[in-house]
Amino acid sequence: MAKHLVFCLVMLKLSIAFANVPNTLNETCLDDIDIVLQINLYKNSCPEAEPIIFSWVQNAVSEDSRMAASLLRLHFHDCFVNGCDASVLLDDTEDFIGEKTAPPNLNSLRGFEVIDAIKAELESVCPGIVSCADILATVARDSVVLAGGPSWEVEMGRKDSLDASKAAATNNIPGPNSTVPTLVAKFRNVGLSFNDMVALSGAHTMGMARCSTFSSRLQGSNGPDINLDFLETLQHLCSESDSNTRLAHLDLATPATFDNQYYVNLLSGEGLLPSDQALVTQDYQTRQLVLSYAEDPLAFFEDFKNSMLKMGSLGALTGNEGEIRRNCRIVN
């Protein structure tokens, strides 16, 4: 046993250094040590995995450009609740309460059908191999790439949770009216830094939000961050009778493109959510980071990529923890 464990640890180090051995580690040592997340995990066990995922995301985004932001958001909302374990995908049942009805998720999260389609094809090609949590992490990367953003090697090996927490979803996910101190606290609570918070906020360079999520922005009439033209546009949009369901682009300039325009918008007072505009009005350090990303899109891309990798590793279930769900909506 001791010799076998030493062998496993050696293989673990090799798997991190070389992309060609992760499957040896997976098959030989699964019962003895927890596997760290690693790239190319499915190279031998399910080589079609990433192409299948990309194809479904590509189709979904081509049919609805907003879907790129929606799929990216699924990964965020998953990772902020007890780690990246696909708990966000679990449906409520008679004796189980999931996270979909938590206030930050209810009538807000979308894209579940895309995940279902991906999982169904993966189960037909290589059953019981690719976790729903790994699908979410990969879908997030592919969504960014298809919208024109940076690419990165997704680290794999997450298992799916056996439970969920509506309470944690309610409390952990930052709200649209959050102040900078609240944002910093909620990111640090899950293991992400001040810089991670500002970089990952750049995900709001695409997507949409309901009028109800930025209603406090509509009340502003003075102050250094007020852009009156922008404010009037929002007030007009949200003055209609169906304002509760009306949607506004988080980035009016390039709404379906992953770029650094979000930060440019903040500097001109065109942050849609109060929590976004707060980054330039409430804190000197966040403002300086916003300035740097507005001036250097490549710096933003690099920091966003690194923060996504960091977030994607939060609380990951590996080894004998969790399971590989056959259906992402229910535990096996």
C-alpha atoms as a PDB file:
ATOM      1  CA  MET A   1       0.000   0.000   0.000  1.00  0.00           C
ATOM      2  CA  ALA A   2       2.763   2.429   0.975  1.00  0.00           C
ATOM      3  CA  LYS A   3       4.693   1.716  -2.232  1.00  0.00           C
ATOM      4  CA  HIS A   4       1.524   2.151  -4.257  1.00  0.00           C
ATOM      5  CA  LEU A   5       0.825   5.493  -2.604  1.00  0.00           C
ATOM      6  CA  VAL A   6       4.357   6.694  -3.351  1.00  0.00           C
ATOM      7  CA  PHE A   7       3.857   5.635  -6.974  1.00  0.00           C
ATOM      8  CA  CYS A   8       0.612   7.602  -7.091  1.00  0.00           C
ATOM      9  CA  LEU A   9       2.250  10.733  -5.712  1.00  0.00           C
ATOM     10  CA  VAL A  10       5.014  10.457  -8.313  1.00  0.00           C
ATOM     11  CA  MET A  11       2.421  10.031 -11.037  1.00  0.00           C
ATOM     12  CA  LEU A  12       0.541  13.029  -9.685  1.00  0.00           C
ATOM     13  CA  LYS A  13       3.606  15.221 -10.068  1.00  0.00           C
ATOM     14  CA  LEU A  14       4.209  13.868 -13.558  1.00  0.00           C
ATOM     15  CA  SER A  15       0.601  14.469 -14.550  1.00  0.00           C
ATOM     16  CA  ILE A  16       0.944  18.124 -13.683  1.00  0.00           C
ATOM     17  CA  ALA A  17       4.203  18.445 -15.616  1.00  0.00           C
ATOM     18  CA  PHE A  18       3.204  16.384 -18.637  1.00  0.00           C
ATOM     19  CA  ALA A  19      -0.184  16.259 -20.282  1.00  0.00           C
ATOM     20  CA  ASN A  20       0.148  12.642 -21.395  1.00  0.00           C
ATOM     21  CA  VAL A  21      -0.220  10.789 -18.098  1.00  0.00           C
ATOM     22  CA  PRO A  22      -3.379  12.014 -16.349  1.00  0.00           C
ATOM     23  CA  ASN A  23      -5.393   8.979 -17.343  1.00  0.00           C
ATOM     24  CA  THR A  24      -2.797   6.615 -15.833  1.00  0.00           C
ATOM     25  CA  LEU A  25      -3.185   8.498 -12.588  1.00  0.00           C
ATOM     26  CA  ASN A  26      -6.960   8.396 -12.865  1.00  0.00           C
ATOM     27  CA  GLU A  27      -7.191   4.635 -13.388  1.00  0.00           C
ATOM     28  CA  THR A  28      -4.421   3.553 -11.029  1.00  0.00           C
ATOM     29  CA  CYS A  29      -4.716   5.792  -8.005  1.00  0.00           C
ATOM     30  CA  LEU A  30      -8.315   6.918  -7.729  1.00  0.00           C
ATOM     31  CA  ASP A  31      -8.983   4.850  -4.620  1.00  0.00           C
ATOM     32  CA  ASP A  32      -5.878   5.948  -2.768  1.00  0.00           C
ATOM     33  CA  ILE A  33      -5.470   9.716  -3.123  1.00  0.00           C
ATOM     34  CA  ASP A  34      -7.491  12.713  -4.169  1.00  0.00           C
ATOM     35  CA  ILE A  35      -6.753  13.788  -7.718  1.00  0.00           C
ATOM     36  CA  VAL A  36      -5.904  17.419  -8.303  1.00  0.00           C
ATOM     37  CA  LEU A  37      -7.576  19.153 -11.211  1.00  0.00           C
ATOM     38  CA  GLN A  38      -5.556  18.813 -14.389  1.00  0.00           C
ATOM     39  CA  ILE A  39      -5.722  19.514 -18.090  1.00  0.00           C
ATOM     40  CA  ASN A  40      -6.282  16.777 -20.676  1.00  0.00           C
ATOM     41  CA  LEU A  41      -7.891  14.478 -18.113  1.00  0.00           C
ATOM     42  CA  TYR A  42     -10.253  13.026 -20.727  1.00  0.00           C
ATOM     43  CA  LYS A  43      -7.658  12.733 -23.477  1.00  0.00           C
ATOM     44  CA  ASN A  44      -7.868   8.935 -23.427  1.00  0.00           C
ATOM     45  CA  SER A  45     -11.111   8.199 -21.576  1.00  0.00           C
ATOM     46  CA  CYS A  46     -13.312  10.568 -23.613  1.00  0.00           C
ATOM     47  CA  PRO A  47     -11.324  12.391 -26.313  1.00  0.00           C
ATOM     48  CA  GLU A  48     -14.526  13.681 -27.903  1.00  0.00           C
ATOM     49  CA  ALA A  49     -15.573  15.529 -24.743  1.00  0.00           C
ATOM     50  CA  GLU A  50     -14.292  19.033 -25.451  1.00  0.00           C
ATOM     51  CA  PRO A  51     -15.259  19.042 -29.168  1.00  0.00           C
ATOM     52  CA  ILE A  52     -18.780  17.886 -28.252  1.00  0.00           C
ATOM     53  CA  ILE A  53     -19.121  20.604 -25.609  1.00  0.00           C
ATOM     54  CA  PHE A  54     -17.796  23.311 -27.923  1.00  0.00           C
ATOM     55  CA  SER A  55     -20.147  22.288 -30.723  1.00  0.00           C
ATOM     56  CA  TRP A  56     -23.241  22.578 -28.510  1.00  0.00           C
ATOM     57  CA  VAL A  57     -22.123  25.936 -27.088  1.00  0.00           C
ATOM     58  CA  GLN A  58     -21.376  27.207 -30.591  1.00  0.00           C
ATOM     59  CA  ASN A  59     -24.846  26.229 -31.784  1.00  0.00           C
ATOM     60  CA  ALA A  60     -26.531  27.760 -28.735  1.00  0.00           C
ATOM     61  CA  VAL A  61     -24.662  31.062 -29.046  1.00  0.00           C
ATOM     62  CA  SER A  62     -25.281  31.256 -32.797  1.00  0.00           C
ATOM     63  CA  GLU A  63     -29.023  30.947 -32.125  1.00  0.00           C
ATOM     64  CA  ASP A  64     -28.992  33.360 -29.179  1.00  0.00           C
ATOM     65  CA  SER A  65     -25.933  35.550 -28.605  1.00  0.00           C
ATOM     66  CA  ARG A  66     -27.080  36.218 -25.033  1.00  0.00           C
ATOM     67  CA  MET A  67     -26.525  32.538 -24.252  1.00  0.00           C
ATOM     68  CA  ALA A  68     -22.751  33.069 -23.991  1.00  0.00           C
ATOM     69  CA  ALA A  69     -23.254  35.280 -20.941  1.00  0.00           C
ATOM     70  CA  SER A  70     -25.902  32.945 -19.523  1.00  0.00           C
ATOM     71  CA  LEU A  71     -23.662  29.877 -19.682  1.00  0.00           C
ATOM     72  CA  LEU A  72     -20.726  31.783 -18.181  1.00  0.00           C
ATOM     73  CA  ARG A  73     -22.997  32.930 -15.358  1.00  0.00           C
ATOM     74  CA  LEU A  74     -24.032  29.353 -14.558  1.00  0.00           C
ATOM     75  CA  HIS A  75     -20.407  28.549 -13.716  1.00  0.00           C
ATOM     76  CA  PHE A  76     -20.110  31.648 -11.505  1.00  0.00           C
ATOM     77  CA  HIS A  77     -23.282  30.884  -9.570  1.00  0.00           C
ATOM     78  CA  ASP A  78     -22.201  27.269  -9.148  1.00  0.00           C
ATOM     79  CA  CYS A  79     -18.726  28.040  -7.826  1.00  0.00           C
ATOM     80  CA  PHE A  80     -19.902  30.640  -5.305  1.00  0.00           C
ATOM     81  CA  VAL A  81     -22.026  28.039  -3.502  1.00  0.00           C
ATOM     82  CA  ASN A  82     -19.864  25.412  -1.785  1.00  0.00           C
ATOM     83  CA  GLY A  83     -17.490  25.209  -4.729  1.00  0.00           C
ATOM     84  CA  CYS A  84     -17.695  24.179  -8.392  1.00  0.00           C
ATOM     85  CA  ASP A  85     -19.727  21.001  -7.981  1.00  0.00           C
ATOM     86  CA  ALA A  86     -22.713  21.454 -10.342  1.00  0.00           C
ATOM     87  CA  SER A  87     -25.077  21.858  -7.379  1.00  0.00           C
ATOM     88  CA  VAL A  88     -26.711  24.742  -9.263  1.00  0.00           C
ATOM     89  CA  LEU A  89     -28.046  22.266 -11.839  1.00  0.00           C
ATOM     90  CA  LEU A  90     -30.052  20.131  -9.403  1.00  0.00           C
ATOM     91  CA  ASP A  91     -33.843  20.404  -9.674  1.00  0.00           C
ATOM     92  CA  ASP A  92     -36.163  20.620  -6.699  1.00  0.00           C
ATOM     93  CA  THR A  93     -38.057  17.425  -5.862  1.00  0.00           C
ATOM     94  CA  GLU A  94     -40.628  16.493  -3.210  1.00  0.00           C
ATOM     95  CA  ASP A  95     -37.893  15.785  -0.687  1.00  0.00           C
ATOM     96  CA  PHE A  96     -35.042  17.940  -2.024  1.00  0.00           C
ATOM     97  CA  ILE A  97     -34.584  21.710  -2.330  1.00  0.00           C
ATOM     98  CA  GLY A  98     -31.998  22.854  -4.845  1.00  0.00           C
ATOM     99  CA  GLU A  99     -30.545  26.283  -5.600  1.00  0.00           C
ATOM    100  CA  LYS A 100     -32.601  27.266  -8.640  1.00  0.00           C
ATOM    101  CA  THR A 101     -35.268  29.007  -6.552  1.00  0.00           C
ATOM    102  CA  ALA A 102     -32.789  31.074  -4.503  1.00  0.00           C
ATOM    103  CA  PRO A 103     -33.349  34.818  -5.131  1.00  0.00           C
ATOM    104  CA  PRO A 104     -30.130  35.345  -7.163  1.00  0.00           C
ATOM    105  CA  ASN A 105     -31.115  32.442  -9.461  1.00  0.00           C
ATOM    106  CA  LEU A 106     -34.915  32.446  -9.701  1.00  0.00           C
ATOM    107  CA  ASN A 107     -36.193  33.638 -13.094  1.00  0.00           C
ATOM    108  CA  SER A 108     -32.630  34.676 -13.822  1.00  0.00           C
ATOM    109  CA  LEU A 109     -30.376  31.708 -14.574  1.00  0.00           C
ATOM    110  CA  ARG A 110     -30.805  30.132 -18.004  1.00  0.00           C
ATOM    111  CA  GLY A 111     -29.027  27.698 -20.293  1.00  0.00           C
ATOM    112  CA  PHE A 112     -29.937  24.528 -18.393  1.00  0.00           C
ATOM    113  CA  GLU A 113     -31.247  22.905 -21.576  1.00  0.00           C
ATOM    114  CA  VAL A 114     -27.866  23.395 -23.255  1.00  0.00           C
ATOM    115  CA  ILE A 115     -26.168  21.575 -20.380  1.00  0.00           C
ATOM    116  CA  ASP A 116     -28.770  18.796 -20.633  1.00  0.00           C
ATOM    117  CA  ALA A 117     -28.062  18.333 -24.349  1.00  0.00           C
ATOM    118  CA  ILE A 118     -24.303  18.242 -23.808  1.00  0.00           C
ATOM    119  CA  LYS A 119     -24.604  15.721 -20.989  1.00  0.00           C
ATOM    120  CA  ALA A 120     -26.938  13.484 -23.015  1.00  0.00           C
ATOM    121  CA  GLU A 121     -24.490  13.259 -25.908  1.00  0.00           C
ATOM    122  CA  LEU A 122     -21.496  12.707 -23.625  1.00  0.00           C
ATOM    123  CA  GLU A 123     -23.341   9.896 -21.832  1.00  0.00           C
ATOM    124  CA  SER A 124     -24.046   8.228 -25.171  1.00  0.00           C
ATOM    125  CA  VAL A 125     -20.421   8.509 -26.306  1.00  0.00           C
ATOM    126  CA  CYS A 126     -18.551   7.878 -23.054  1.00  0.00           C
ATOM    127  CA  PRO A 127     -20.980   7.099 -20.224  1.00  0.00           C
ATOM    128  CA  GLY A 128     -20.064   7.905 -16.652  1.00  0.00           C
ATOM    129  CA  ILE A 129     -16.860   9.762 -17.518  1.00  0.00           C
ATOM    130  CA  VAL A 130     -17.415  13.526 -17.756  1.00  0.00           C
ATOM    131  CA  SER A 131     -18.941  15.297 -14.754  1.00  0.00           C
ATOM    132  CA  CYS A 132     -21.551  18.021 -14.946  1.00  0.00           C
ATOM    133  CA  ALA A 133     -19.189  20.277 -12.982  1.00  0.00           C
ATOM    134  CA  ASP A 134     -16.488  19.846 -15.651  1.00  0.00           C
ATOM    135  CA  ILE A 135     -19.094  20.568 -18.324  1.00  0.00           C
ATOM    136  CA  LEU A 136     -19.958  23.863 -16.621  1.00  0.00           C
ATOM    137  CA  ALA A 137     -16.299  24.890 -16.403  1.00  0.00           C
ATOM    138  CA  THR A 138     -15.698  24.050 -20.065  1.00  0.00           C
ATOM    139  CA  VAL A 139     -18.903  25.709 -21.253  1.00  0.00           C
ATOM    140  CA  ALA A 140     -17.841  28.912 -19.463  1.00  0.00           C
ATOM    141  CA  ARG A 141     -14.499  28.962 -21.283  1.00  0.00           C
ATOM    142  CA  ASP A 142     -16.092  28.192 -24.655  1.00  0.00           C
ATOM    143  CA  SER A 143     -18.675  30.948 -24.187  1.00  0.00           C
ATOM    144  CA  VAL A 144     -15.936  33.504 -23.577  1.00  0.00           C
ATOM    145  CA  VAL A 145     -13.964  32.310 -26.609  1.00  0.00           C
ATOM    146  CA  LEU A 146     -17.002  32.389 -28.915  1.00  0.00           C
ATOM    147  CA  ALA A 147     -17.729  35.955 -27.794  1.00  0.00           C
ATOM    148  CA  GLY A 148     -14.201  37.059 -28.716  1.00  0.00           C
ATOM    149  CA  GLY A 149     -12.490  36.692 -25.359  1.00  0.00           C
ATOM    150  CA  PRO A 150      -9.384  34.819 -24.197  1.00  0.00           C
ATOM    151  CA  SER A 151      -8.980  31.053 -24.149  1.00  0.00           C
ATOM    152  CA  TRP A 152      -7.409  28.839 -21.514  1.00  0.00           C
ATOM    153  CA  GLU A 153      -6.876  25.157 -20.776  1.00  0.00           C
ATOM    154  CA  VAL A 154      -9.722  24.046 -18.529  1.00  0.00           C
ATOM    155  CA  GLU A 155      -8.567  21.933 -15.619  1.00  0.00           C
ATOM    156  CA  MET A 156     -10.718  18.828 -15.230  1.00  0.00           C
ATOM    157  CA  GLY A 157     -11.445  16.237 -12.585  1.00  0.00           C
ATOM    158  CA  ARG A 158     -14.337  17.748 -10.616  1.00  0.00           C
ATOM    159  CA  LYS A 159     -17.027  15.455  -9.283  1.00  0.00           C
ATOM    160  CA  ASP A 160     -20.696  16.372  -8.955  1.00  0.00           C
ATOM    161  CA  SER A 161     -22.244  17.088  -5.571  1.00  0.00           C
ATOM    162  CA  LEU A 162     -24.872  14.949  -3.902  1.00  0.00           C
ATOM    163  CA  ASP A 163     -26.627  17.957  -2.414  1.00  0.00           C
ATOM    164  CA  ALA A 164     -27.247  21.688  -2.795  1.00  0.00           C
ATOM    165  CA  SER A 165     -27.804  24.725  -0.570  1.00  0.00           C
ATOM    166  CA  LYS A 166     -30.499  27.281  -1.277  1.00  0.00           C
ATOM    167  CA  ALA A 167     -29.383  29.211   1.812  1.00  0.00           C
ATOM    168  CA  ALA A 168     -25.781  29.445   0.600  1.00  0.00           C
ATOM    169  CA  ALA A 169     -26.964  30.494  -2.861  1.00  0.00           C
ATOM    170  CA  THR A 170     -29.053  33.221  -1.259  1.00  0.00           C
ATOM    171  CA  ASN A 171     -26.225  34.501   0.935  1.00  0.00           C
ATOM    172  CA  ASN A 172     -23.012  33.884  -1.016  1.00  0.00           C
ATOM    173  CA  ILE A 173     -23.741  35.232  -4.486  1.00  0.00           C
ATOM    174  CA  PRO A 174     -23.040  38.990  -4.760  1.00  0.00           C
ATOM    175  CA  GLY A 175     -26.146  41.057  -5.463  1.00  0.00           C
ATOM    176  CA  PRO A 176     -26.555  43.843  -8.044  1.00  0.00           C
ATOM    177  CA  ASN A 177     -26.725  46.536  -5.346  1.00  0.00           C
ATOM    178  CA  SER A 178     -23.586  45.413  -3.509  1.00  0.00           C
ATOM    179  CA  THR A 179     -21.087  47.988  -2.293  1.00  0.00           C
ATOM    180  CA  VAL A 180     -17.377  47.474  -2.878  1.00  0.00           C
ATOM    181  CA  PRO A 181     -16.769  46.269   0.716  1.00  0.00           C
ATOM    182  CA  THR A 182     -19.592  43.729   0.287  1.00  0.00           C
ATOM    183  CA  LEU A 183     -18.196  42.542  -3.039  1.00  0.00           C
ATOM    184  CA  VAL A 184     -14.721  42.158  -1.564  1.00  0.00           C
ATOM    185  CA  ALA A 185     -16.092  40.248   1.429  1.00  0.00           C
ATOM    186  CA  LYS A 186     -18.168  37.847  -0.661  1.00  0.00           C
ATOM    187  CA  PHE A 187     -15.302  37.100  -3.025  1.00  0.00           C
ATOM    188  CA  ARG A 188     -12.874  36.575  -0.148  1.00  0.00           C
ATOM    189  CA  ASN A 189     -15.425  34.347   1.559  1.00  0.00           C
ATOM    190  CA  VAL A 190     -15.024  31.815  -1.247  1.00  0.00           C
ATOM    191  CA  GLY A 191     -11.261  32.254  -1.598  1.00  0.00           C
ATOM    192  CA  LEU A 192     -10.983  34.938  -4.270  1.00  0.00           C
ATOM    193  CA  SER A 193      -8.931  38.112  -3.924  1.00  0.00           C
ATOM    194  CA  PHE A 194      -9.606  41.820  -4.361  1.00  0.00           C
ATOM    195  CA  ASN A 195      -8.009  41.691  -7.833  1.00  0.00           C
ATOM    196  CA  ASP A 196     -10.006  38.571  -8.745  1.00  0.00           C
ATOM    197  CA  MET A 197     -13.182  40.483  -7.920  1.00  0.00           C
ATOM    198  CA  VAL A 198     -12.415  43.355 -10.281  1.00  0.00           C
ATOM    199  CA  ALA A 199     -11.205  41.060 -13.076  1.00  0.00           C
ATOM    200  CA  LEU A 200     -14.172  38.675 -12.829  1.00  0.00           C
ATOM    201  CA  SER A 201     -16.600  41.606 -12.735  1.00  0.00           C
ATOM    202  CA  GLY A 202     -15.502  42.100 -16.338  1.00  0.00           C
ATOM    203  CA  ALA A 203     -17.772  39.176 -17.239  1.00  0.00           C
ATOM    204  CA  HIS A 204     -20.459  41.879 -17.290  1.00  0.00           C
ATOM    205  CA  THR A 205     -19.039  42.964 -20.624  1.00  0.00           C
ATOM    206  CA  MET A 206     -21.826  40.828 -22.080  1.00  0.00           C
ATOM    207  CA  GLY A 207     -25.297  39.778 -21.033  1.00  0.00           C
ATOM    208  CA  MET A 208     -28.460  41.519 -19.902  1.00  0.00           C
ATOM    209  CA  ALA A 209     -30.229  42.472 -16.670  1.00  0.00           C
ATOM    210  CA  ARG A 210     -33.824  43.204 -15.684  1.00  0.00           C
ATOM    211  CA  CYS A 211     -34.866  46.742 -14.794  1.00  0.00           C
ATOM    212  CA  SER A 212     -35.573  45.592 -11.233  1.00  0.00           C
ATOM    213  CA  THR A 213     -31.885  44.768 -10.694  1.00  0.00           C
ATOM    214  CA  PHE A 214     -30.700  48.326 -11.381  1.00  0.00           C
ATOM    215  CA  SER A 215     -33.705  50.380 -10.233  1.00  0.00           C
ATOM    216  CA  SER A 216     -31.569  52.340  -7.767  1.00  0.00           C
ATOM    217  CA  ARG A 217     -29.466  53.587 -10.684  1.00  0.00           C
ATOM    218  CA  LEU A 218     -32.600  55.151 -12.153  1.00  0.00           C
ATOM    219  CA  GLN A 219     -33.051  57.407  -9.125  1.00  0.00           C
ATOM    220  CA  GLY A 220     -29.680  59.136  -9.461  1.00  0.00           C
ATOM    221  CA  SER A 221     -29.759  62.760 -10.569  1.00  0.00           C
ATOM    222  CA  ASN A 222     -26.444  64.155  -9.423  1.00  0.00           C
ATOM    223  CA  GLY A 223     -22.945  63.130  -8.473  1.00  0.00           C
ATOM    224  CA  PRO A 224     -19.714  62.614 -10.414  1.00  0.00           C
ATOM    225  CA  ASP A 225     -20.708  59.210 -11.755  1.00  0.00           C
ATOM    226  CA  ILE A 226     -23.978  60.283 -13.336  1.00  0.00           C
ATOM    227  CA  ASN A 227     -24.194  60.129 -17.108  1.00  0.00           C
ATOM    228  CA  LEU A 228     -27.484  61.919 -17.804  1.00  0.00           C
ATOM    229  CA  ASP A 229     -27.890  60.604 -21.365  1.00  0.00           C
ATOM    230  CA  PHE A 230     -27.342  57.051 -20.169  1.00  0.00           C
ATOM    231  CA  LEU A 231     -29.706  57.580 -17.250  1.00  0.00           C
ATOM    232  CA  GLU A 232     -32.454  58.924 -19.529  1.00  0.00           C
ATOM    233  CA  THR A 233     -32.096  55.902 -21.818  1.00  0.00           C
ATOM    234  CA  LEU A 234     -32.553  53.547 -18.888  1.00  0.00           C
ATOM    235  CA  GLN A 235     -35.451  55.525 -17.447  1.00  0.00           C
ATOM    236  CA  HIS A 236     -37.238  55.397 -20.800  1.00  0.00           C
ATOM    237  CA  LEU A 237     -36.644  51.653 -21.138  1.00  0.00           C
ATOM    238  CA  CYS A 238     -37.867  50.917 -17.639  1.00  0.00           C
ATOM    239  CA  SER A 239     -40.862  53.238 -17.661  1.00  0.00           C
ATOM    240  CA  GLU A 240     -42.944  50.858 -19.772  1.00  0.00           C
ATOM    241  CA  SER A 241     -45.753  48.837 -18.197  1.00  0.00           C
ATOM    242  CA  ASP A 242     -43.740  45.630 -18.507  1.00  0.00           C
ATOM    243  CA  SER A 243     -40.669  47.113 -16.852  1.00  0.00           C
ATOM    244  CA  ASN A 244     -40.314  44.202 -14.418  1.00  0.00           C
ATOM    245  CA  THR A 245     -39.455  41.910 -17.312  1.00  0.00           C
ATOM    246  CA  ARG A 246     -37.673  44.478 -19.479  1.00  0.00           C
ATOM    247  CA  LEU A 247     -34.000  43.733 -20.128  1.00  0.00           C
ATOM    248  CA  ALA A 248     -31.093  46.093 -20.669  1.00  0.00           C
ATOM    249  CA  HIS A 249     -27.641  45.269 -22.006  1.00  0.00           C
ATOM    250  CA  LEU A 250     -24.925  45.277 -19.366  1.00  0.00           C
ATOM    251  CA  ASP A 251     -22.687  46.775 -22.061  1.00  0.00           C
ATOM    252  CA  LEU A 252     -24.585  48.978 -24.521  1.00  0.00           C
ATOM    253  CA  ALA A 253     -21.571  49.521 -26.779  1.00  0.00           C
ATOM    254  CA  THR A 254     -20.586  45.901 -27.577  1.00  0.00           C
ATOM    255  CA  PRO A 255     -23.313  43.804 -25.888  1.00  0.00           C
ATOM    256  CA  ALA A 256     -22.420  40.402 -27.369  1.00  0.00           C
ATOM    257  CA  THR A 257     -18.630  40.775 -27.416  1.00  0.00           C
ATOM    258  CA  PHE A 258     -16.241  39.782 -24.672  1.00  0.00           C
ATOM    259  CA  ASP A 259     -13.877  42.760 -24.485  1.00  0.00           C
ATOM    260  CA  ASN A 260     -12.757  45.470 -22.068  1.00  0.00           C
ATOM    261  CA  GLN A 261     -15.585  47.860 -22.980  1.00  0.00           C
ATOM    262  CA  TYR A 262     -17.218  47.196 -19.606  1.00  0.00           C
ATOM    263  CA  TYR A 263     -14.400  49.090 -17.883  1.00  0.00           C
ATOM    264  CA  VAL A 264     -14.512  51.926 -20.424  1.00  0.00           C
ATOM    265  CA  ASN A 265     -18.236  52.207 -19.737  1.00  0.00           C
ATOM    266  CA  LEU A 266     -17.695  52.442 -15.975  1.00  0.00           C
ATOM    267  CA  LEU A 267     -15.341  55.403 -16.438  1.00  0.00           C
ATOM    268  CA  SER A 268     -18.001  57.250 -18.429  1.00  0.00           C
ATOM    269  CA  GLY A 269     -20.720  56.526 -15.864  1.00  0.00           C
ATOM    270  CA  GLU A 270     -22.382  53.811 -17.940  1.00  0.00           C
ATOM    271  CA  GLY A 271     -22.224  50.893 -15.555  1.00  0.00           C
ATOM    272  CA  LEU A 272     -25.656  49.298 -15.560  1.00  0.00           C
ATOM    273  CA  LEU A 273     -25.690  47.665 -12.132  1.00  0.00           C
ATOM    274  CA  PRO A 274     -25.027  49.731  -8.989  1.00  0.00           C
ATOM    275  CA  SER A 275     -22.414  47.126  -7.980  1.00  0.00           C
ATOM    276  CA  ASP A 276     -20.587  47.737 -11.269  1.00  0.00           C
ATOM    277  CA  GLN A 277     -20.564  51.537 -11.109  1.00  0.00           C
ATOM    278  CA  ALA A 278     -19.413  51.301  -7.489  1.00  0.00           C
ATOM    279  CA  LEU A 279     -16.038  50.040  -8.716  1.00  0.00           C
ATOM    280  CA  VAL A 280     -15.118  53.561  -9.888  1.00  0.00           C
ATOM    281  CA  THR A 281     -16.975  55.661  -7.322  1.00  0.00           C
ATOM    282  CA  GLN A 282     -16.503  53.939  -3.979  1.00  0.00           C
ATOM    283  CA  ASP A 283     -12.904  52.769  -3.829  1.00  0.00           C
ATOM    284  CA  TYR A 284      -9.631  54.200  -5.084  1.00  0.00           C
ATOM    285  CA  GLN A 285      -7.973  50.797  -5.582  1.00  0.00           C
ATOM    286  CA  THR A 286     -10.826  49.351  -7.617  1.00  0.00           C
ATOM    287  CA  ARG A 287     -10.916  52.514  -9.710  1.00  0.00           C
ATOM    288  CA  GLN A 288      -7.206  52.141 -10.501  1.00  0.00           C
ATOM    289  CA  LEU A 289      -7.742  48.550 -11.652  1.00  0.00           C
ATOM    290  CA  VAL A 290     -10.695  49.661 -13.783  1.00  0.00           C
ATOM    291  CA  LEU A 291      -8.470  52.300 -15.371  1.00  0.00           C
ATOM    292  CA  SER A 292      -5.746  49.768 -16.112  1.00  0.00           C
ATOM    293  CA  TYR A 293      -8.165  47.326 -17.753  1.00  0.00           C
ATOM    294  CA  ALA A 294      -9.818  50.112 -19.762  1.00  0.00           C
ATOM    295  CA  GLU A 295      -6.414  51.062 -21.141  1.00  0.00           C
ATOM    296  CA  ASP A 296      -5.022  47.543 -21.663  1.00  0.00           C
ATOM    297  CA  PRO A 297      -7.428  44.850 -22.898  1.00  0.00           C
ATOM    298  CA  LEU A 298      -4.675  42.219 -22.951  1.00  0.00           C
ATOM    299  CA  ALA A 299      -3.971  42.809 -19.256  1.00  0.00           C
ATOM    300  CA  PHE A 300      -7.667  42.306 -18.558  1.00  0.00           C
ATOM    301  CA  PHE A 301      -7.775  39.116 -20.632  1.00  0.00           C
ATOM    302  CA  GLU A 302      -4.768  37.682 -18.812  1.00  0.00           C
ATOM    303  CA  ASP A 303      -6.095  38.502 -15.348  1.00  0.00           C
ATOM    304  CA  PHE A 304      -9.592  37.280 -16.217  1.00  0.00           C
ATOM    305  CA  LYS A 305      -8.208  33.982 -17.487  1.00  0.00           C
ATOM    306  CA  ASN A 306      -6.141  33.437 -14.335  1.00  0.00           C
ATOM    307  CA  SER A 307      -9.034  34.374 -12.056  1.00  0.00           C
ATOM    308  CA  MET A 308     -11.350  31.994 -13.927  1.00  0.00           C
ATOM    309  CA  LEU A 309      -8.873  29.157 -13.382  1.00  0.00           C
ATOM    310  CA  LYS A 310      -8.682  30.065  -9.703  1.00  0.00           C
ATOM    311  CA  MET A 311     -12.452  30.260  -9.342  1.00  0.00           C
ATOM    312  CA  GLY A 312     -12.889  26.999 -11.251  1.00  0.00           C
ATOM    313  CA  SER A 313     -10.826  25.136  -8.657  1.00  0.00           C
ATOM    314  CA  LEU A 314     -12.822  26.338  -5.656  1.00  0.00           C
ATOM    315  CA  GLY A 315     -14.142  23.544  -3.446  1.00  0.00           C
ATOM    316  CA  ALA A 316     -13.809  20.987  -6.222  1.00  0.00           C
ATOM    317  CA  LEU A 317     -14.873  17.474  -5.250  1.00  0.00           C
ATOM    318  CA  THR A 318     -12.253  15.001  -6.457  1.00  0.00           C
ATOM    319  CA  GLY A 319     -11.193  11.415  -5.944  1.00  0.00           C
ATOM    320  CA  ASN A 320     -13.814   9.512  -3.955  1.00  0.00           C
ATOM    321  CA  GLU A 321     -15.882  12.614  -3.180  1.00  0.00           C
ATOM    322  CA  GLY A 322     -19.122  13.211  -5.041  1.00  0.00           C
ATOM    323  CA  GLU A 323     -20.146  11.349  -8.180  1.00  0.00           C
ATOM    324  CA  ILE A 324     -20.431  11.581 -11.953  1.00  0.00           C
ATOM    325  CA  ARG A 325     -24.132  12.295 -12.486  1.00  0.00           C
ATOM    326  CA  ARG A 326     -25.855  10.564 -15.384  1.00  0.00           C
ATOM    327  CA  ASN A 327     -28.379  13.389 -15.503  1.00  0.00           C
ATOM    328  CA  CYS A 328     -27.177  16.801 -14.343  1.00  0.00           C
ATOM    329  CA  ARG A 329     -30.579  17.643 -12.832  1.00  0.00           C
ATOM    330  CA  ILE A 330     -30.710  14.755 -10.335  1.00  0.00           C
ATOM    331  CA  VAL A 331     -28.288  12.736  -8.232  1.00  0.00           C
ATOM    332  CA  ASN A 332     -27.747   9.149  -9.350  1.00  0.00           C
END
